[in-house]
């Protein structure tokens, strides 16, 4: 028998990830322009991604690239 299980998903996860990308980018002393270049994305995309609104989506591939460039484990981007 299958049934719908209940989970709590943080509705603010995009914003949390966005803030953490910015945090770790600044700690690494890397500009948005450099991060964009290193991740093969546009500066505008990275700027929107890091915005406090956190409305821009991020793929697993891009999150992986950002983690490599910033030398940060992926799970760190999900920490509140």
PDB file of N, CA and C in Angstrom:
ATOM      1  N   UNK A   1       0.837  -1.182   0.000  1.00  0.00           N
ATOM      2  CA  UNK A   1       0.000   0.000   0.000  1.00  0.00           C
ATOM      3  C   UNK A   1       0.883   1.246   0.000  1.00  0.00           C
ATOM      4  N   UNK A   2       0.583   2.163  -0.881  1.00  0.00           N
ATOM      5  CA  UNK A   2       1.328   3.415  -0.968  1.00  0.00           C
ATOM      6  C   UNK A   2       0.505   4.526  -0.340  1.00  0.00           C
ATOM      7  N   UNK A   3       1.213   5.405   0.308  1.00  0.00           N
ATOM      8  CA  UNK A   3       0.538   6.543   0.911  1.00  0.00           C
ATOM      9  C   UNK A   3       1.459   7.754   0.858  1.00  0.00           C
ATOM     10  N   UNK A   4       0.873   8.903   0.905  1.00  0.00           N
ATOM     11  CA  UNK A   4       1.611  10.159   0.856  1.00  0.00           C
ATOM     12  C   UNK A   4       2.253  10.413   2.208  1.00  0.00           C
ATOM     13  N   UNK A   5       3.581  10.516   2.185  1.00  0.00           N
ATOM     14  CA  UNK A   5       4.289  10.825   3.421  1.00  0.00           C
ATOM     15  C   UNK A   5       4.417  12.336   3.555  1.00  0.00           C
ATOM     16  N   UNK A   6       4.661  12.778   4.751  1.00  0.00           N
ATOM     17  CA  UNK A   6       4.731  14.209   5.017  1.00  0.00           C
ATOM     18  C   UNK A   6       6.171  14.614   5.345  1.00  0.00           C
ATOM     19  N   UNK A   7       6.653  15.625   4.635  1.00  0.00           N
ATOM     20  CA  UNK A   7       7.987  16.162   4.876  1.00  0.00           C
ATOM     21  C   UNK A   7       7.881  17.669   5.002  1.00  0.00           C
ATOM     22  N   UNK A   8       8.824  18.247   5.712  1.00  0.00           N
ATOM     23  CA  UNK A   8       8.902  19.695   5.798  1.00  0.00           C
ATOM     24  C   UNK A   8      10.032  20.155   4.886  1.00  0.00           C
ATOM     25  N   UNK A   9       9.669  20.911   3.841  1.00  0.00           N
ATOM     26  CA  UNK A   9      10.647  21.459   2.919  1.00  0.00           C
ATOM     27  C   UNK A   9      10.735  22.955   3.190  1.00  0.00           C
ATOM     28  N   UNK A  10      11.958  23.426   3.382  1.00  0.00           N
ATOM     29  CA  UNK A  10      12.159  24.842   3.689  1.00  0.00           C
ATOM     30  C   UNK A  10      11.843  25.685   2.460  1.00  0.00           C
ATOM     31  N   UNK A  11      10.816  26.523   2.526  1.00  0.00           N
ATOM     32  CA  UNK A  11      10.458  27.346   1.366  1.00  0.00           C
ATOM     33  C   UNK A  11      11.499  28.422   1.057  1.00  0.00           C
ATOM     34  N   UNK A  12      12.425  28.642   1.975  1.00  0.00           N
ATOM     35  CA  UNK A  12      13.461  29.667   1.806  1.00  0.00           C
ATOM     36  C   UNK A  12      14.783  29.095   1.312  1.00  0.00           C
ATOM     37  N   UNK A  13      14.794  27.836   0.851  1.00  0.00           N
ATOM     38  CA  UNK A  13      16.057  27.179   0.499  1.00  0.00           C
ATOM     39  C   UNK A  13      16.817  27.926  -0.595  1.00  0.00           C
ATOM     40  N   UNK A  14      16.127  28.469  -1.594  1.00  0.00           N
ATOM     41  CA  UNK A  14      16.828  29.197  -2.653  1.00  0.00           C
ATOM     42  C   UNK A  14      17.539  30.419  -2.084  1.00  0.00           C
ATOM     43  N   UNK A  15      16.896  31.104  -1.182  1.00  0.00           N
ATOM     44  CA  UNK A  15      17.492  32.277  -0.554  1.00  0.00           C
ATOM     45  C   UNK A  15      18.690  31.889   0.308  1.00  0.00           C
ATOM     46  N   UNK A  16      18.586  30.790   1.022  1.00  0.00           N
ATOM     47  CA  UNK A  16      19.682  30.300   1.864  1.00  0.00           C
ATOM     48  C   UNK A  16      20.889  29.959   0.996  1.00  0.00           C
ATOM     49  N   UNK A  17      20.661  29.248  -0.104  1.00  0.00           N
ATOM     50  CA  UNK A  17      21.753  28.895  -1.013  1.00  0.00           C
ATOM     51  C   UNK A  17      22.381  30.151  -1.596  1.00  0.00           C
ATOM     52  N   UNK A  18      21.550  31.099  -2.018  1.00  0.00           N
ATOM     53  CA  UNK A  18      22.053  32.349  -2.598  1.00  0.00           C
ATOM     54  C   UNK A  18      22.946  33.098  -1.608  1.00  0.00           C
ATOM     55  N   UNK A  19      22.501  33.201  -0.372  1.00  0.00           N
ATOM     56  CA  UNK A  19      23.283  33.913   0.651  1.00  0.00           C
ATOM     57  C   UNK A  19      24.602  33.193   0.921  1.00  0.00           C
ATOM     58  N   UNK A  20      24.569  31.873   0.923  1.00  0.00           N
ATOM     59  CA  UNK A  20      25.791  31.119   1.185  1.00  0.00           C
ATOM     60  C   UNK A  20      26.771  31.178   0.020  1.00  0.00           C
ATOM     61  N   UNK A  21      26.271  31.188  -1.198  1.00  0.00           N
ATOM     62  CA  UNK A  21      27.175  31.353  -2.342  1.00  0.00           C
ATOM     63  C   UNK A  21      27.895  32.689  -2.206  1.00  0.00           C
ATOM     64  N   UNK A  22      27.142  33.727  -1.917  1.00  0.00           N
ATOM     65  CA  UNK A  22      27.747  35.059  -1.740  1.00  0.00           C
ATOM     66  C   UNK A  22      28.759  35.043  -0.603  1.00  0.00           C
ATOM     67  N   UNK A  23      28.375  34.462   0.524  1.00  0.00           N
ATOM     68  CA  UNK A  23      29.254  34.397   1.696  1.00  0.00           C
ATOM     69  C   UNK A  23      30.583  33.731   1.362  1.00  0.00           C
ATOM     70  N   UNK A  24      30.525  32.537   0.755  1.00  0.00           N
ATOM     71  CA  UNK A  24      31.751  31.801   0.466  1.00  0.00           C
ATOM     72  C   UNK A  24      32.544  32.432  -0.685  1.00  0.00           C
ATOM     73  N   UNK A  25      31.868  33.095  -1.593  1.00  0.00           N
ATOM     74  CA  UNK A  25      32.572  33.799  -2.676  1.00  0.00           C
ATOM     75  C   UNK A  25      33.375  34.956  -2.094  1.00  0.00           C
ATOM     76  N   UNK A  26      32.764  35.704  -1.197  1.00  0.00           N
ATOM     77  CA  UNK A  26      33.454  36.827  -0.569  1.00  0.00           C
ATOM     78  C   UNK A  26      34.623  36.332   0.287  1.00  0.00           C
ATOM     79  N   UNK A  27      34.406  35.254   1.037  1.00  0.00           N
ATOM     80  CA  UNK A  27      35.488  34.679   1.844  1.00  0.00           C
ATOM     81  C   UNK A  27      36.664  34.241   0.969  1.00  0.00           C
ATOM     82  N   UNK A  28      36.360  33.769  -0.245  1.00  0.00           N
ATOM     83  CA  UNK A  28      37.410  33.326  -1.175  1.00  0.00           C
ATOM     84  C   UNK A  28      38.026  34.498  -1.933  1.00  0.00           C
ATOM     85  N   UNK A  29      37.506  35.702  -1.687  1.00  0.00           N
ATOM     86  CA  UNK A  29      37.994  36.912  -2.353  1.00  0.00           C
ATOM     87  C   UNK A  29      37.882  36.796  -3.881  1.00  0.00           C
ATOM     88  N   UNK A  30      36.726  36.311  -4.328  1.00  0.00           N
ATOM     89  CA  UNK A  30      36.453  36.153  -5.748  1.00  0.00           C
ATOM     90  C   UNK A  30      35.275  37.063  -6.109  1.00  0.00           C
ATOM     91  N   UNK A  31      35.402  37.775  -7.218  1.00  0.00           N
ATOM     92  CA  UNK A  31      34.318  38.657  -7.657  1.00  0.00           C
ATOM     93  C   UNK A  31      33.217  37.841  -8.342  1.00  0.00           C
ATOM     94  N   UNK A  32      32.063  38.453  -8.467  1.00  0.00           N
ATOM     95  CA  UNK A  32      30.976  37.808  -9.210  1.00  0.00           C
ATOM     96  C   UNK A  32      31.409  37.557 -10.651  1.00  0.00           C
ATOM     97  N   UNK A  33      32.122  38.515 -11.221  1.00  0.00           N
ATOM     98  CA  UNK A  33      32.586  38.368 -12.608  1.00  0.00           C
ATOM     99  C   UNK A  33      33.508  37.164 -12.757  1.00  0.00           C
ATOM    100  N   UNK A  34      34.421  36.984 -11.791  1.00  0.00           N
ATOM    101  CA  UNK A  34      35.348  35.847 -11.861  1.00  0.00           C
ATOM    102  C   UNK A  34      34.607  34.537 -11.654  1.00  0.00           C
ATOM    103  N   UNK A  35      33.678  34.506 -10.726  1.00  0.00           N
ATOM    104  CA  UNK A  35      32.897  33.293 -10.492  1.00  0.00           C
ATOM    105  C   UNK A  35      32.111  32.926 -11.744  1.00  0.00           C
ATOM    106  N   UNK A  36      31.530  33.927 -12.382  1.00  0.00           N
ATOM    107  CA  UNK A  36      30.774  33.692 -13.620  1.00  0.00           C
ATOM    108  C   UNK A  36      31.680  33.100 -14.693  1.00  0.00           C
ATOM    109  N   UNK A  37      32.839  33.676 -14.851  1.00  0.00           N
ATOM    110  CA  UNK A  37      33.792  33.193 -15.854  1.00  0.00           C
ATOM    111  C   UNK A  37      34.229  31.764 -15.551  1.00  0.00           C
ATOM    112  N   UNK A  38      34.583  31.499 -14.297  1.00  0.00           N
ATOM    113  CA  UNK A  38      35.044  30.169 -13.897  1.00  0.00           C
ATOM    114  C   UNK A  38      33.964  29.100 -14.034  1.00  0.00           C
ATOM    115  N   UNK A  39      32.692  29.504 -13.866  1.00  0.00           N
ATOM    116  CA  UNK A  39      31.571  28.550 -13.932  1.00  0.00           C
ATOM    117  C   UNK A  39      30.884  28.538 -15.291  1.00  0.00           C
ATOM    118  N   UNK A  40      31.421  29.309 -16.226  1.00  0.00           N
ATOM    119  CA  UNK A  40      30.864  29.371 -17.580  1.00  0.00           C
ATOM    120  C   UNK A  40      29.416  29.867 -17.577  1.00  0.00           C
ATOM    121  N   UNK A  41      29.185  30.934 -16.822  1.00  0.00           N
ATOM    122  CA  UNK A  41      27.891  31.588 -16.767  1.00  0.00           C
ATOM    123  C   UNK A  41      28.102  33.085 -16.962  1.00  0.00           C
ATOM    124  N   UNK A  42      27.035  33.807 -17.176  1.00  0.00           N
ATOM    125  CA  UNK A  42      27.148  35.253 -17.336  1.00  0.00           C
ATOM    126  C   UNK A  42      27.217  35.921 -15.964  1.00  0.00           C
ATOM    127  N   UNK A  43      27.832  37.102 -15.953  1.00  0.00           N
ATOM    128  CA  UNK A  43      27.876  37.893 -14.722  1.00  0.00           C
ATOM    129  C   UNK A  43      26.457  38.168 -14.237  1.00  0.00           C
ATOM    130  N   UNK A  44      25.572  38.503 -15.175  1.00  0.00           N
ATOM    131  CA  UNK A  44      24.187  38.820 -14.832  1.00  0.00           C
ATOM    132  C   UNK A  44      23.508  37.634 -14.134  1.00  0.00           C
ATOM    133  N   UNK A  45      23.772  36.435 -14.606  1.00  0.00           N
ATOM    134  CA  UNK A  45      23.196  35.242 -13.990  1.00  0.00           C
ATOM    135  C   UNK A  45      23.686  35.097 -12.552  1.00  0.00           C
ATOM    136  N   UNK A  46      24.985  35.249 -12.344  1.00  0.00           N
ATOM    137  CA  UNK A  46      25.545  35.124 -10.988  1.00  0.00           C
ATOM    138  C   UNK A  46      25.010  36.235 -10.094  1.00  0.00           C
ATOM    139  N   UNK A  47      24.895  37.438 -10.626  1.00  0.00           N
ATOM    140  CA  UNK A  47      24.352  38.554  -9.850  1.00  0.00           C
ATOM    141  C   UNK A  47      22.930  38.242  -9.382  1.00  0.00           C
ATOM    142  N   UNK A  48      22.099  37.751 -10.309  1.00  0.00           N
ATOM    143  CA  UNK A  48      20.716  37.399  -9.945  1.00  0.00           C
ATOM    144  C   UNK A  48      20.690  36.219  -8.980  1.00  0.00           C
ATOM    145  N   UNK A  49      21.568  35.267  -9.184  1.00  0.00           N
ATOM    146  CA  UNK A  49      21.630  34.093  -8.320  1.00  0.00           C
ATOM    147  C   UNK A  49      21.920  34.490  -6.878  1.00  0.00           C
ATOM    148  N   UNK A  50      22.807  35.432  -6.693  1.00  0.00           N
ATOM    149  CA  UNK A  50      23.198  35.858  -5.351  1.00  0.00           C
ATOM    150  C   UNK A  50      22.256  36.885  -4.728  1.00  0.00           C
ATOM    151  N   UNK A  51      21.291  37.342  -5.486  1.00  0.00           N
ATOM    152  CA  UNK A  51      20.405  38.371  -4.951  1.00  0.00           C
ATOM    153  C   UNK A  51      19.703  37.852  -3.701  1.00  0.00           C
ATOM    154  N   UNK A  52      19.349  38.761  -2.837  1.00  0.00           N
ATOM    155  CA  UNK A  52      18.704  38.365  -1.581  1.00  0.00           C
ATOM    156  C   UNK A  52      17.331  37.748  -1.818  1.00  0.00           C
ATOM    157  N   UNK A  53      16.775  37.967  -2.989  1.00  0.00           N
ATOM    158  CA  UNK A  53      15.486  37.356  -3.312  1.00  0.00           C
ATOM    159  C   UNK A  53      15.634  35.850  -3.491  1.00  0.00           C
ATOM    160  N   UNK A  54      16.773  35.423  -4.019  1.00  0.00           N
ATOM    161  CA  UNK A  54      17.016  33.999  -4.205  1.00  0.00           C
ATOM    162  C   UNK A  54      16.010  33.341  -5.125  1.00  0.00           C
ATOM    163  N   UNK A  55      15.503  34.079  -6.118  1.00  0.00           N
ATOM    164  CA  UNK A  55      14.474  33.534  -6.996  1.00  0.00           C
ATOM    165  C   UNK A  55      15.060  32.777  -8.183  1.00  0.00           C
ATOM    166  N   UNK A  56      16.317  33.069  -8.506  1.00  0.00           N
ATOM    167  CA  UNK A  56      16.968  32.397  -9.628  1.00  0.00           C
ATOM    168  C   UNK A  56      17.232  30.945  -9.235  1.00  0.00           C
ATOM    169  N   UNK A  57      16.881  30.028 -10.102  1.00  0.00           N
ATOM    170  CA  UNK A  57      17.125  28.619  -9.822  1.00  0.00           C
ATOM    171  C   UNK A  57      18.579  28.263 -10.048  1.00  0.00           C
ATOM    172  N   UNK A  58      19.003  27.155  -9.466  1.00  0.00           N
ATOM    173  CA  UNK A  58      20.377  26.689  -9.653  1.00  0.00           C
ATOM    174  C   UNK A  58      20.352  25.188  -9.891  1.00  0.00           C
ATOM    175  N   UNK A  59      21.050  24.765 -10.906  1.00  0.00           N
ATOM    176  CA  UNK A  59      21.106  23.336 -11.218  1.00  0.00           C
ATOM    177  C   UNK A  59      22.152  22.667 -10.330  1.00  0.00           C
ATOM    178  N   UNK A  60      22.065  21.376 -10.235  1.00  0.00           N
ATOM    179  CA  UNK A  60      23.054  20.613  -9.479  1.00  0.00           C
ATOM    180  C   UNK A  60      24.434  20.777 -10.112  1.00  0.00           C
ATOM    181  N   UNK A  61      24.474  20.809 -11.446  1.00  0.00           N
ATOM    182  CA  UNK A  61      25.736  20.991 -12.153  1.00  0.00           C
ATOM    183  C   UNK A  61      26.381  22.322 -11.773  1.00  0.00           C
ATOM    184  N   UNK A  62      25.603  23.397 -11.768  1.00  0.00           N
ATOM    185  CA  UNK A  62      26.160  24.701 -11.421  1.00  0.00           C
ATOM    186  C   UNK A  62      26.567  24.752  -9.952  1.00  0.00           C
ATOM    187  N   UNK A  63      25.773  24.179  -9.067  1.00  0.00           N
ATOM    188  CA  UNK A  63      26.132  24.165  -7.657  1.00  0.00           C
ATOM    189  C   UNK A  63      27.442  23.412  -7.453  1.00  0.00           C
ATOM    190  N   UNK A  64      27.622  22.329  -8.193  1.00  0.00           N
ATOM    191  CA  UNK A  64      28.873  21.572  -8.135  1.00  0.00           C
ATOM    192  C   UNK A  64      30.033  22.449  -8.607  1.00  0.00           C
ATOM    193  N   UNK A  65      29.858  23.143  -9.732  1.00  0.00           N
ATOM    194  CA  UNK A  65      30.916  24.007 -10.263  1.00  0.00           C
ATOM    195  C   UNK A  65      31.276  25.106  -9.257  1.00  0.00           C
ATOM    196  N   UNK A  66      30.252  25.728  -8.675  1.00  0.00           N
ATOM    197  CA  UNK A  66      30.490  26.783  -7.689  1.00  0.00           C
ATOM    198  C   UNK A  66      31.259  26.215  -6.500  1.00  0.00           C
ATOM    199  N   UNK A  67      30.891  25.026  -6.058  1.00  0.00           N
ATOM    200  CA  UNK A  67      31.580  24.422  -4.913  1.00  0.00           C
ATOM    201  C   UNK A  67      33.046  24.148  -5.227  1.00  0.00           C
ATOM    202  N   UNK A  68      33.338  23.724  -6.448  1.00  0.00           N
ATOM    203  CA  UNK A  68      34.730  23.476  -6.841  1.00  0.00           C
ATOM    204  C   UNK A  68      35.507  24.789  -6.895  1.00  0.00           C
ATOM    205  N   UNK A  69      34.929  25.791  -7.560  1.00  0.00           N
ATOM    206  CA  UNK A  69      35.602  27.090  -7.702  1.00  0.00           C
ATOM    207  C   UNK A  69      35.850  27.728  -6.333  1.00  0.00           C
ATOM    208  N   UNK A  70      34.880  27.633  -5.444  1.00  0.00           N
ATOM    209  CA  UNK A  70      35.008  28.253  -4.122  1.00  0.00           C
ATOM    210  C   UNK A  70      35.659  27.332  -3.098  1.00  0.00           C
ATOM    211  N   UNK A  71      36.006  26.107  -3.534  1.00  0.00           N
ATOM    212  CA  UNK A  71      36.640  25.120  -2.655  1.00  0.00           C
ATOM    213  C   UNK A  71      35.817  24.928  -1.379  1.00  0.00           C
ATOM    214  N   UNK A  72      34.506  24.699  -1.594  1.00  0.00           N
ATOM    215  CA  UNK A  72      33.556  24.552  -0.493  1.00  0.00           C
ATOM    216  C   UNK A  72      32.681  23.329  -0.745  1.00  0.00           C
ATOM    217  N   UNK A  73      32.475  22.514   0.266  1.00  0.00           N
ATOM    218  CA  UNK A  73      31.603  21.349   0.118  1.00  0.00           C
ATOM    219  C   UNK A  73      30.178  21.790  -0.214  1.00  0.00           C
ATOM    220  N   UNK A  74      29.499  21.047  -1.056  1.00  0.00           N
ATOM    221  CA  UNK A  74      28.142  21.406  -1.487  1.00  0.00           C
ATOM    222  C   UNK A  74      27.178  21.557  -0.304  1.00  0.00           C
ATOM    223  N   UNK A  75      27.299  20.697   0.690  1.00  0.00           N
ATOM    224  CA  UNK A  75      26.357  20.760   1.815  1.00  0.00           C
ATOM    225  C   UNK A  75      26.441  22.082   2.576  1.00  0.00           C
ATOM    226  N   UNK A  76      27.565  22.783   2.488  1.00  0.00           N
ATOM    227  CA  UNK A  76      27.715  24.066   3.179  1.00  0.00           C
ATOM    228  C   UNK A  76      26.750  25.108   2.634  1.00  0.00           C
ATOM    229  N   UNK A  77      26.341  24.978   1.365  1.00  0.00           N
ATOM    230  CA  UNK A  77      25.437  25.956   0.762  1.00  0.00           C
ATOM    231  C   UNK A  77      24.003  25.839   1.292  1.00  0.00           C
ATOM    232  N   UNK A  78      23.698  24.731   1.954  1.00  0.00           N
ATOM    233  CA  UNK A  78      22.344  24.494   2.472  1.00  0.00           C
ATOM    234  C   UNK A  78      22.209  24.868   3.949  1.00  0.00           C
ATOM    235  N   UNK A  79      23.291  25.262   4.588  1.00  0.00           N
ATOM    236  CA  UNK A  79      23.252  25.564   6.026  1.00  0.00           C
ATOM    237  C   UNK A  79      22.611  26.915   6.291  1.00  0.00           C
ATOM    238  N   UNK A  80      21.745  26.924   7.291  1.00  0.00           N
ATOM    239  CA  UNK A  80      21.066  28.185   7.668  1.00  0.00           C
ATOM    240  C   UNK A  80      21.927  28.983   8.615  1.00  0.00           C
TER     241      UNK A  80
END
